[in-house]
Amino acid sequence: MKILLSVFLSLIAALTIAAQIAKPPLKAGDKAPDFALANGDGKLVTLSEYIARAPVVIIFYRGFW
């Protein structure tokens, strides 16, 4: 439950920031800009940290809670 809440809050924060930036939306296959979010343990992680280790796929799952 703690992880789910962290993911949800992180997604809301990312969407809020993205809405404030006046840039054209990304299309499928575009490279995502670097961003930082808190993981399930509260540690700040960045996309660039993960890309340095291996390819990354970002998926936004729209669920019904």
C-alpha atoms as a PDB file:
ATOM      1  CA  MET A   1       0.000   0.000   0.000  1.00  0.00           C
ATOM      2  CA  LYS A   2       2.869   2.387   0.837  1.00  0.00           C
ATOM      3  CA  ILE A   3       4.479   1.715  -2.545  1.00  0.00           C
ATOM      4  CA  LEU A   4       1.186   2.218  -4.368  1.00  0.00           C
ATOM      5  CA  LEU A   5       0.643   5.542  -2.607  1.00  0.00           C
ATOM      6  CA  SER A   6       4.201   6.656  -3.423  1.00  0.00           C
ATOM      7  CA  VAL A   7       3.760   5.746  -7.077  1.00  0.00           C
ATOM      8  CA  PHE A   8       0.420   7.550  -7.239  1.00  0.00           C
ATOM      9  CA  LEU A   9       1.784  10.715  -5.616  1.00  0.00           C
ATOM     10  CA  SER A  10       4.849  10.615  -7.837  1.00  0.00           C
ATOM     11  CA  LEU A  11       2.679  10.294 -10.923  1.00  0.00           C
ATOM     12  CA  ILE A  12       0.523  13.229  -9.814  1.00  0.00           C
ATOM     13  CA  ALA A  13       3.653  15.322  -9.205  1.00  0.00           C
ATOM     14  CA  ALA A  14       5.086  14.395 -12.598  1.00  0.00           C
ATOM     15  CA  LEU A  15       1.819  15.240 -14.354  1.00  0.00           C
ATOM     16  CA  THR A  16       1.577  18.559 -12.528  1.00  0.00           C
ATOM     17  CA  ILE A  17       5.112  19.515 -13.532  1.00  0.00           C
ATOM     18  CA  ALA A  18       4.537  18.370 -17.096  1.00  0.00           C
ATOM     19  CA  ALA A  19       1.368  20.464 -17.329  1.00  0.00           C
ATOM     20  CA  GLN A  20       3.284  23.580 -16.295  1.00  0.00           C
ATOM     21  CA  ILE A  21       5.970  23.187 -18.958  1.00  0.00           C
ATOM     22  CA  ALA A  22       4.920  24.502 -22.370  1.00  0.00           C
ATOM     23  CA  LYS A  23       6.549  21.878 -24.585  1.00  0.00           C
ATOM     24  CA  PRO A  24       5.023  19.712 -27.274  1.00  0.00           C
ATOM     25  CA  PRO A  25       3.930  16.302 -25.980  1.00  0.00           C
ATOM     26  CA  LEU A  26       6.133  13.273 -26.498  1.00  0.00           C
ATOM     27  CA  LYS A  27       5.170  10.710 -29.089  1.00  0.00           C
ATOM     28  CA  ALA A  28       5.651   6.961 -28.905  1.00  0.00           C
ATOM     29  CA  GLY A  29       9.343   6.237 -29.373  1.00  0.00           C
ATOM     30  CA  ASP A  30      10.557   9.691 -28.251  1.00  0.00           C
ATOM     31  CA  LYS A  31      13.207   9.930 -25.550  1.00  0.00           C
ATOM     32  CA  ALA A  32      11.812  11.075 -22.223  1.00  0.00           C
ATOM     33  CA  PRO A  33      13.382  14.094 -20.508  1.00  0.00           C
ATOM     34  CA  ASP A  34      15.281  13.359 -17.312  1.00  0.00           C
ATOM     35  CA  PHE A  35      13.165  13.542 -14.162  1.00  0.00           C
ATOM     36  CA  ALA A  36      13.454  12.603 -10.498  1.00  0.00           C
ATOM     37  CA  LEU A  37      10.837  10.949  -8.289  1.00  0.00           C
ATOM     38  CA  ALA A  38      10.773   9.272  -4.900  1.00  0.00           C
ATOM     39  CA  ASN A  39      10.747   5.471  -5.008  1.00  0.00           C
ATOM     40  CA  GLY A  40       8.790   3.217  -2.658  1.00  0.00           C
ATOM     41  CA  ASP A  41      11.422   3.678   0.063  1.00  0.00           C
ATOM     42  CA  GLY A  42      11.355   7.463  -0.219  1.00  0.00           C
ATOM     43  CA  LYS A  43      14.771   7.633  -1.929  1.00  0.00           C
ATOM     44  CA  LEU A  44      15.013  10.115  -4.812  1.00  0.00           C
ATOM     45  CA  VAL A  45      15.842   8.358  -8.080  1.00  0.00           C
ATOM     46  CA  THR A  46      16.321   9.803 -11.553  1.00  0.00           C
ATOM     47  CA  LEU A  47      15.594   8.459 -14.977  1.00  0.00           C
ATOM     48  CA  SER A  48      19.213   9.068 -15.998  1.00  0.00           C
ATOM     49  CA  GLU A  49      20.415   6.709 -13.221  1.00  0.00           C
ATOM     50  CA  TYR A  50      18.336   3.886 -14.645  1.00  0.00           C
ATOM     51  CA  ILE A  51      19.175   4.622 -18.282  1.00  0.00           C
ATOM     52  CA  ALA A  52      22.884   4.399 -17.400  1.00  0.00           C
ATOM     53  CA  ARG A  53      22.343   0.783 -16.252  1.00  0.00           C
ATOM     54  CA  ALA A  54      19.955  -0.566 -18.892  1.00  0.00           C
ATOM     55  CA  PRO A  55      17.251   0.449 -21.358  1.00  0.00           C
ATOM     56  CA  VAL A  56      14.126   1.811 -19.688  1.00  0.00           C
ATOM     57  CA  VAL A  57      10.482   1.568 -20.732  1.00  0.00           C
ATOM     58  CA  ILE A  58       8.041   3.974 -19.098  1.00  0.00           C
ATOM     59  CA  ILE A  59       4.447   2.840 -19.014  1.00  0.00           C
ATOM     60  CA  PHE A  60       1.502   4.777 -17.621  1.00  0.00           C
ATOM     61  CA  TYR A  61      -1.156   2.310 -16.568  1.00  0.00           C
ATOM     62  CA  ARG A  62      -4.620   3.722 -16.240  1.00  0.00           C
ATOM     63  CA  GLY A  63      -6.356   1.552 -13.694  1.00  0.00           C
ATOM     64  CA  PHE A  64      -9.708   1.688 -12.043  1.00  0.00           C
ATOM     65  CA  TRP A  65      -9.278   1.774  -8.271  1.00  0.00           C
END
